[in-house]
Amino acid sequence: MFYGRALWLDTHSINKVVKTKPIPVEFIDGRPLLSGAIIEETIPIELIMEYYREMIAFDLISSPNHPVILGLS
């Protein structure tokens, strides 16, 4: 586990769980992510944006440079 991610989750009091099914991830050019498949996710978190609200679980990966990456769909 990447220490930066763990520290970020702890700082924001966000718990994580093991995914029921790992998700393989590829870079935009088709190469597999070096850290492997996504095997962890956050517990559902309430996401609020102006008048929009939903419960969402975020996938977790190891990244040496960024504690948060948005964009995987």
PDB file of N, CA and C in Angstrom:
ATOM      1  N   MET A   1       0.834  -1.176   0.000  1.00  0.00           N
ATOM      2  CA  MET A   1       0.000   0.000   0.000  1.00  0.00           C
ATOM      3  C   MET A   1       0.876   1.235   0.000  1.00  0.00           C
ATOM      4  N   PHE A   2       0.518   2.213  -0.779  1.00  0.00           N
ATOM      5  CA  PHE A   2       1.266   3.454  -0.879  1.00  0.00           C
ATOM      6  C   PHE A   2       0.962   4.324   0.330  1.00  0.00           C
ATOM      7  N   TYR A   3       1.993   4.759   1.064  1.00  0.00           N
ATOM      8  CA  TYR A   3       1.821   5.515   2.303  1.00  0.00           C
ATOM      9  C   TYR A   3       1.052   6.814   2.096  1.00  0.00           C
ATOM     10  N   GLY A   4       1.311   7.518   1.003  1.00  0.00           N
ATOM     11  CA  GLY A   4       0.628   8.778   0.744  1.00  0.00           C
ATOM     12  C   GLY A   4      -0.876   8.618   0.683  1.00  0.00           C
ATOM     13  N   ARG A   5      -1.336   7.556   0.034  1.00  0.00           N
ATOM     14  CA  ARG A   5      -2.776   7.306  -0.077  1.00  0.00           C
ATOM     15  C   ARG A   5      -3.366   7.014   1.294  1.00  0.00           C
ATOM     16  N   ALA A   6      -2.686   6.190   2.082  1.00  0.00           N
ATOM     17  CA  ALA A   6      -3.182   5.849   3.413  1.00  0.00           C
ATOM     18  C   ALA A   6      -3.277   7.098   4.282  1.00  0.00           C
ATOM     19  N   LEU A   7      -2.279   7.939   4.217  1.00  0.00           N
ATOM     20  CA  LEU A   7      -2.280   9.173   4.993  1.00  0.00           C
ATOM     21  C   LEU A   7      -3.427  10.078   4.558  1.00  0.00           C
ATOM     22  N   TRP A   8      -3.657  10.195   3.244  1.00  0.00           N
ATOM     23  CA  TRP A   8      -4.744  11.030   2.737  1.00  0.00           C
ATOM     24  C   TRP A   8      -6.091  10.502   3.215  1.00  0.00           C
ATOM     25  N   LEU A   9      -6.297   9.193   3.155  1.00  0.00           N
ATOM     26  CA  LEU A   9      -7.554   8.605   3.621  1.00  0.00           C
ATOM     27  C   LEU A   9      -7.740   8.848   5.115  1.00  0.00           C
ATOM     28  N   ASP A  10      -6.684   8.655   5.900  1.00  0.00           N
ATOM     29  CA  ASP A  10      -6.764   8.882   7.344  1.00  0.00           C
ATOM     30  C   ASP A  10      -7.053  10.344   7.662  1.00  0.00           C
ATOM     31  N   THR A  11      -6.388  11.252   6.961  1.00  0.00           N
ATOM     32  CA  THR A  11      -6.580  12.684   7.192  1.00  0.00           C
ATOM     33  C   THR A  11      -8.034  13.093   6.978  1.00  0.00           C
ATOM     34  N   HIS A  12      -8.699  12.476   6.024  1.00  0.00           N
ATOM     35  CA  HIS A  12     -10.077  12.811   5.703  1.00  0.00           C
ATOM     36  C   HIS A  12     -11.087  11.832   6.312  1.00  0.00           C
ATOM     37  N   SER A  13     -10.610  10.958   7.202  1.00  0.00           N
ATOM     38  CA  SER A  13     -11.465   9.983   7.908  1.00  0.00           C
ATOM     39  C   SER A  13     -12.308   9.158   6.937  1.00  0.00           C
ATOM     40  N   ILE A  14     -11.648   8.635   5.896  1.00  0.00           N
ATOM     41  CA  ILE A  14     -12.325   7.807   4.899  1.00  0.00           C
ATOM     42  C   ILE A  14     -11.848   6.367   5.053  1.00  0.00           C
ATOM     43  N   ASN A  15     -12.777   5.455   5.235  1.00  0.00           N
ATOM     44  CA  ASN A  15     -12.439   4.042   5.360  1.00  0.00           C
ATOM     45  C   ASN A  15     -12.432   3.381   3.993  1.00  0.00           C
ATOM     46  N   LYS A  16     -11.735   2.258   3.887  1.00  0.00           N
ATOM     47  CA  LYS A  16     -11.663   1.524   2.626  1.00  0.00           C
ATOM     48  C   LYS A  16     -12.040   0.076   2.856  1.00  0.00           C
ATOM     49  N   VAL A  17     -12.403  -0.600   1.763  1.00  0.00           N
ATOM     50  CA  VAL A  17     -12.755  -2.013   1.801  1.00  0.00           C
ATOM     51  C   VAL A  17     -12.147  -2.685   0.572  1.00  0.00           C
ATOM     52  N   VAL A  18     -12.042  -4.003   0.625  1.00  0.00           N
ATOM     53  CA  VAL A  18     -11.559  -4.773  -0.519  1.00  0.00           C
ATOM     54  C   VAL A  18     -12.708  -4.928  -1.512  1.00  0.00           C
ATOM     55  N   LYS A  19     -12.435  -4.709  -2.803  1.00  0.00           N
ATOM     56  CA  LYS A  19     -13.462  -4.850  -3.839  1.00  0.00           C
ATOM     57  C   LYS A  19     -13.861  -6.317  -3.970  1.00  0.00           C
ATOM     58  N   THR A  20     -15.101  -6.566  -4.335  1.00  0.00           N
ATOM     59  CA  THR A  20     -15.551  -7.944  -4.522  1.00  0.00           C
ATOM     60  C   THR A  20     -14.947  -8.542  -5.788  1.00  0.00           C
ATOM     61  N   LYS A  21     -14.644  -7.699  -6.783  1.00  0.00           N
ATOM     62  CA  LYS A  21     -14.038  -8.173  -8.022  1.00  0.00           C
ATOM     63  C   LYS A  21     -12.955  -7.176  -8.458  1.00  0.00           C
ATOM     64  N   PRO A  22     -11.682  -7.599  -8.556  1.00  0.00           N
ATOM     65  CA  PRO A  22     -10.619  -6.683  -9.010  1.00  0.00           C
ATOM     66  C   PRO A  22     -10.908  -6.131 -10.411  1.00  0.00           C
ATOM     67  N   ILE A  23     -10.495  -4.891 -10.642  1.00  0.00           N
ATOM     68  CA  ILE A  23     -10.700  -4.245 -11.940  1.00  0.00           C
ATOM     69  C   ILE A  23      -9.343  -3.986 -12.581  1.00  0.00           C
ATOM     70  N   PRO A  24      -9.045  -4.624 -13.732  1.00  0.00           N
ATOM     71  CA  PRO A  24      -7.784  -4.332 -14.416  1.00  0.00           C
ATOM     72  C   PRO A  24      -7.826  -2.919 -15.000  1.00  0.00           C
ATOM     73  N   VAL A  25      -6.690  -2.223 -14.965  1.00  0.00           N
ATOM     74  CA  VAL A  25      -6.618  -0.852 -15.461  1.00  0.00           C
ATOM     75  C   VAL A  25      -5.488  -0.733 -16.464  1.00  0.00           C
ATOM     76  N   GLU A  26      -5.739   0.020 -17.530  1.00  0.00           N
ATOM     77  CA  GLU A  26      -4.721   0.253 -18.554  1.00  0.00           C
ATOM     78  C   GLU A  26      -4.488   1.744 -18.724  1.00  0.00           C
ATOM     79  N   PHE A  27      -3.258   2.098 -19.110  1.00  0.00           N
ATOM     80  CA  PHE A  27      -2.969   3.464 -19.508  1.00  0.00           C
ATOM     81  C   PHE A  27      -3.689   3.744 -20.811  1.00  0.00           C
ATOM     82  N   ILE A  28      -3.693   4.983 -21.247  1.00  0.00           N
ATOM     83  CA  ILE A  28      -4.380   5.363 -22.480  1.00  0.00           C
ATOM     84  C   ILE A  28      -3.819   4.628 -23.696  1.00  0.00           C
ATOM     85  N   ASP A  29      -2.540   4.207 -23.631  1.00  0.00           N
ATOM     86  CA  ASP A  29      -1.933   3.494 -24.772  1.00  0.00           C
ATOM     87  C   ASP A  29      -2.093   1.980 -24.674  1.00  0.00           C
ATOM     88  N   GLY A  30      -2.850   1.499 -23.690  1.00  0.00           N
ATOM     89  CA  GLY A  30      -3.138   0.076 -23.580  1.00  0.00           C
ATOM     90  C   GLY A  30      -2.221  -0.714 -22.661  1.00  0.00           C
ATOM     91  N   ARG A  31      -1.140  -0.085 -22.168  1.00  0.00           N
ATOM     92  CA  ARG A  31      -0.255  -0.795 -21.230  1.00  0.00           C
ATOM     93  C   ARG A  31      -0.952  -0.946 -19.876  1.00  0.00           C
ATOM     94  N   PRO A  32      -0.743  -2.081 -19.186  1.00  0.00           N
ATOM     95  CA  PRO A  32      -1.368  -2.257 -17.870  1.00  0.00           C
ATOM     96  C   PRO A  32      -0.738  -1.340 -16.822  1.00  0.00           C
ATOM     97  N   LEU A  33      -1.534  -0.911 -15.876  1.00  0.00           N
ATOM     98  CA  LEU A  33      -1.049  -0.105 -14.760  1.00  0.00           C
ATOM     99  C   LEU A  33      -0.039  -0.927 -13.973  1.00  0.00           C
ATOM    100  N   LEU A  34       1.113  -0.353 -13.661  1.00  0.00           N
ATOM    101  CA  LEU A  34       2.185  -1.092 -12.993  1.00  0.00           C
ATOM    102  C   LEU A  34       1.785  -1.618 -11.621  1.00  0.00           C
ATOM    103  N   SER A  35       0.915  -0.911 -10.919  1.00  0.00           N
ATOM    104  CA  SER A  35       0.511  -1.366  -9.583  1.00  0.00           C
ATOM    105  C   SER A  35      -0.523  -2.487  -9.638  1.00  0.00           C
ATOM    106  N   GLY A  36      -0.964  -2.851 -10.847  1.00  0.00           N
ATOM    107  CA  GLY A  36      -1.894  -3.964 -10.990  1.00  0.00           C
ATOM    108  C   GLY A  36      -3.347  -3.536 -10.953  1.00  0.00           C
ATOM    109  N   ALA A  37      -4.207  -4.517 -10.800  1.00  0.00           N
ATOM    110  CA  ALA A  37      -5.653  -4.276 -10.801  1.00  0.00           C
ATOM    111  C   ALA A  37      -6.070  -3.495  -9.559  1.00  0.00           C
ATOM    112  N   ILE A  38      -7.195  -2.808  -9.678  1.00  0.00           N
ATOM    113  CA  ILE A  38      -7.762  -2.103  -8.530  1.00  0.00           C
ATOM    114  C   ILE A  38      -8.420  -3.141  -7.627  1.00  0.00           C
ATOM    115  N   ILE A  39      -7.976  -3.200  -6.377  1.00  0.00           N
ATOM    116  CA  ILE A  39      -8.502  -4.196  -5.449  1.00  0.00           C
ATOM    117  C   ILE A  39      -9.162  -3.574  -4.218  1.00  0.00           C
ATOM    118  N   GLU A  40      -9.099  -2.231  -4.088  1.00  0.00           N
ATOM    119  CA  GLU A  40      -9.691  -1.558  -2.936  1.00  0.00           C
ATOM    120  C   GLU A  40     -10.548  -0.392  -3.400  1.00  0.00           C
ATOM    121  N   GLU A  41     -11.522  -0.046  -2.546  1.00  0.00           N
ATOM    122  CA  GLU A  41     -12.359   1.115  -2.799  1.00  0.00           C
ATOM    123  C   GLU A  41     -12.726   1.747  -1.463  1.00  0.00           C
ATOM    124  N   THR A  42     -13.171   3.005  -1.524  1.00  0.00           N
ATOM    125  CA  THR A  42     -13.643   3.646  -0.310  1.00  0.00           C
ATOM    126  C   THR A  42     -15.012   3.086   0.046  1.00  0.00           C
ATOM    127  N   ILE A  43     -15.386   3.249   1.286  1.00  0.00           N
ATOM    128  CA  ILE A  43     -16.782   2.993   1.623  1.00  0.00           C
ATOM    129  C   ILE A  43     -17.595   4.056   0.899  1.00  0.00           C
ATOM    130  N   PRO A  44     -18.887   3.856   0.707  1.00  0.00           N
ATOM    131  CA  PRO A  44     -19.673   4.892   0.031  1.00  0.00           C
ATOM    132  C   PRO A  44     -19.581   6.232   0.778  1.00  0.00           C
ATOM    133  N   ILE A  45     -19.326   7.282  -0.001  1.00  0.00           N
ATOM    134  CA  ILE A  45     -19.161   8.630   0.520  1.00  0.00           C
ATOM    135  C   ILE A  45     -20.240   9.506  -0.099  1.00  0.00           C
ATOM    136  N   GLU A  46     -20.811  10.412   0.684  1.00  0.00           N
ATOM    137  CA  GLU A  46     -21.804  11.328   0.128  1.00  0.00           C
ATOM    138  C   GLU A  46     -21.089  12.414  -0.671  1.00  0.00           C
ATOM    139  N   LEU A  47     -21.405  12.508  -1.943  1.00  0.00           N
ATOM    140  CA  LEU A  47     -20.844  13.499  -2.852  1.00  0.00           C
ATOM    141  C   LEU A  47     -21.904  14.566  -3.079  1.00  0.00           C
ATOM    142  N   ILE A  48     -21.558  15.816  -2.768  1.00  0.00           N
ATOM    143  CA  ILE A  48     -22.504  16.919  -2.926  1.00  0.00           C
ATOM    144  C   ILE A  48     -21.872  17.974  -3.819  1.00  0.00           C
ATOM    145  N   MET A  49     -22.573  18.311  -4.905  1.00  0.00           N
ATOM    146  CA  MET A  49     -22.139  19.365  -5.815  1.00  0.00           C
ATOM    147  C   MET A  49     -23.340  20.256  -6.102  1.00  0.00           C
ATOM    148  N   GLU A  50     -23.352  21.418  -5.495  1.00  0.00           N
ATOM    149  CA  GLU A  50     -24.435  22.377  -5.611  1.00  0.00           C
ATOM    150  C   GLU A  50     -25.754  21.695  -5.268  1.00  0.00           C
ATOM    151  N   TYR A  51     -26.626  21.421  -6.249  1.00  0.00           N
ATOM    152  CA  TYR A  51     -27.922  20.809  -5.959  1.00  0.00           C
ATOM    153  C   TYR A  51     -27.940  19.305  -6.223  1.00  0.00           C
ATOM    154  N   TYR A  52     -26.801  18.746  -6.557  1.00  0.00           N
ATOM    155  CA  TYR A  52     -26.699  17.312  -6.861  1.00  0.00           C
ATOM    156  C   TYR A  52     -26.117  16.591  -5.663  1.00  0.00           C
ATOM    157  N   ARG A  53     -26.663  15.424  -5.344  1.00  0.00           N
ATOM    158  CA  ARG A  53     -26.175  14.650  -4.192  1.00  0.00           C
ATOM    159  C   ARG A  53     -26.297  13.167  -4.514  1.00  0.00           C
ATOM    160  N   GLU A  54     -25.239  12.394  -4.232  1.00  0.00           N
ATOM    161  CA  GLU A  54     -25.305  10.940  -4.395  1.00  0.00           C
ATOM    162  C   GLU A  54     -24.279  10.273  -3.492  1.00  0.00           C
ATOM    163  N   MET A  55     -24.490   8.993  -3.226  1.00  0.00           N
ATOM    164  CA  MET A  55     -23.526   8.180  -2.492  1.00  0.00           C
ATOM    165  C   MET A  55     -22.664   7.471  -3.529  1.00  0.00           C
ATOM    166  N   ILE A  56     -21.331   7.533  -3.360  1.00  0.00           N
ATOM    167  CA  ILE A  56     -20.427   6.949  -4.348  1.00  0.00           C
ATOM    168  C   ILE A  56     -19.213   6.357  -3.639  1.00  0.00           C
ATOM    169  N   ALA A  57     -18.733   5.220  -4.159  1.00  0.00           N
ATOM    170  CA  ALA A  57     -17.494   4.604  -3.670  1.00  0.00           C
ATOM    171  C   ALA A  57     -16.413   4.876  -4.712  1.00  0.00           C
ATOM    172  N   PHE A  58     -15.249   5.335  -4.271  1.00  0.00           N
ATOM    173  CA  PHE A  58     -14.146   5.641  -5.176  1.00  0.00           C
ATOM    174  C   PHE A  58     -13.142   4.492  -5.191  1.00  0.00           C
ATOM    175  N   ASP A  59     -12.669   4.123  -6.387  1.00  0.00           N
ATOM    176  CA  ASP A  59     -11.623   3.112  -6.524  1.00  0.00           C
ATOM    177  C   ASP A  59     -10.299   3.688  -6.018  1.00  0.00           C
ATOM    178  N   LEU A  60      -9.461   2.831  -5.443  1.00  0.00           N
ATOM    179  CA  LEU A  60      -8.169   3.258  -4.901  1.00  0.00           C
ATOM    180  C   LEU A  60      -7.025   2.573  -5.635  1.00  0.00           C
ATOM    181  N   ILE A  61      -6.017   3.356  -6.031  1.00  0.00           N
ATOM    182  CA  ILE A  61      -4.806   2.820  -6.646  1.00  0.00           C
ATOM    183  C   ILE A  61      -3.609   3.449  -5.959  1.00  0.00           C
ATOM    184  N   SER A  62      -2.440   2.865  -6.154  1.00  0.00           N
ATOM    185  CA  SER A  62      -1.203   3.449  -5.654  1.00  0.00           C
ATOM    186  C   SER A  62      -0.658   4.404  -6.701  1.00  0.00           C
ATOM    187  N   SER A  63      -0.279   5.594  -6.261  1.00  0.00           N
ATOM    188  CA  SER A  63       0.311   6.584  -7.153  1.00  0.00           C
ATOM    189  C   SER A  63       1.392   7.334  -6.393  1.00  0.00           C
ATOM    190  N   PRO A  64       2.625   7.311  -6.897  1.00  0.00           N
ATOM    191  CA  PRO A  64       3.701   7.999  -6.187  1.00  0.00           C
ATOM    192  C   PRO A  64       3.613   9.523  -6.257  1.00  0.00           C
ATOM    193  N   ASN A  65       2.800  10.062  -7.158  1.00  0.00           N
ATOM    194  CA  ASN A  65       2.773  11.512  -7.358  1.00  0.00           C
ATOM    195  C   ASN A  65       1.475  12.204  -6.985  1.00  0.00           C
ATOM    196  N   HIS A  66       0.349  11.463  -6.956  1.00  0.00           N
ATOM    197  CA  HIS A  66      -0.950  12.113  -6.764  1.00  0.00           C
ATOM    198  C   HIS A  66      -1.803  11.340  -5.768  1.00  0.00           C
ATOM    199  N   PRO A  67      -2.262  11.988  -4.688  1.00  0.00           N
ATOM    200  CA  PRO A  67      -3.117  11.290  -3.728  1.00  0.00           C
ATOM    201  C   PRO A  67      -4.520  11.054  -4.266  1.00  0.00           C
ATOM    202  N   VAL A  68      -4.965  11.881  -5.226  1.00  0.00           N
ATOM    203  CA  VAL A  68      -6.313  11.746  -5.785  1.00  0.00           C
ATOM    204  C   VAL A  68      -6.236  11.921  -7.296  1.00  0.00           C
ATOM    205  N   ILE A  69      -6.868  11.005  -8.033  1.00  0.00           N
ATOM    206  CA  ILE A  69      -6.963  11.094  -9.486  1.00  0.00           C
ATOM    207  C   ILE A  69      -8.414  10.883  -9.858  1.00  0.00           C
ATOM    208  N   LEU A  70      -9.004  11.828 -10.554  1.00  0.00           N
ATOM    209  CA  LEU A  70     -10.376  11.694 -11.018  1.00  0.00           C
ATOM    210  C   LEU A  70     -10.356  11.452 -12.516  1.00  0.00           C
ATOM    211  N   GLY A  71     -11.258  10.593 -12.994  1.00  0.00           N
ATOM    212  CA  GLY A  71     -11.351  10.423 -14.431  1.00  0.00           C
ATOM    213  C   GLY A  71     -11.601   9.007 -14.917  1.00  0.00           C
ATOM    214  N   LEU A  72     -11.430   8.000 -14.097  1.00  0.00           N
ATOM    215  CA  LEU A  72     -11.706   6.636 -14.525  1.00  0.00           C
ATOM    216  C   LEU A  72     -13.204   6.414 -14.481  1.00  0.00           C
ATOM    217  N   SER A  73     -13.757   5.923 -15.574  1.00  0.00           N
ATOM    218  CA  SER A  73     -15.204   5.677 -15.564  1.00  0.00           C
ATOM    219  C   SER A  73     -15.486   4.218 -15.831  1.00  0.00           C
TER     220      SER A  73
END
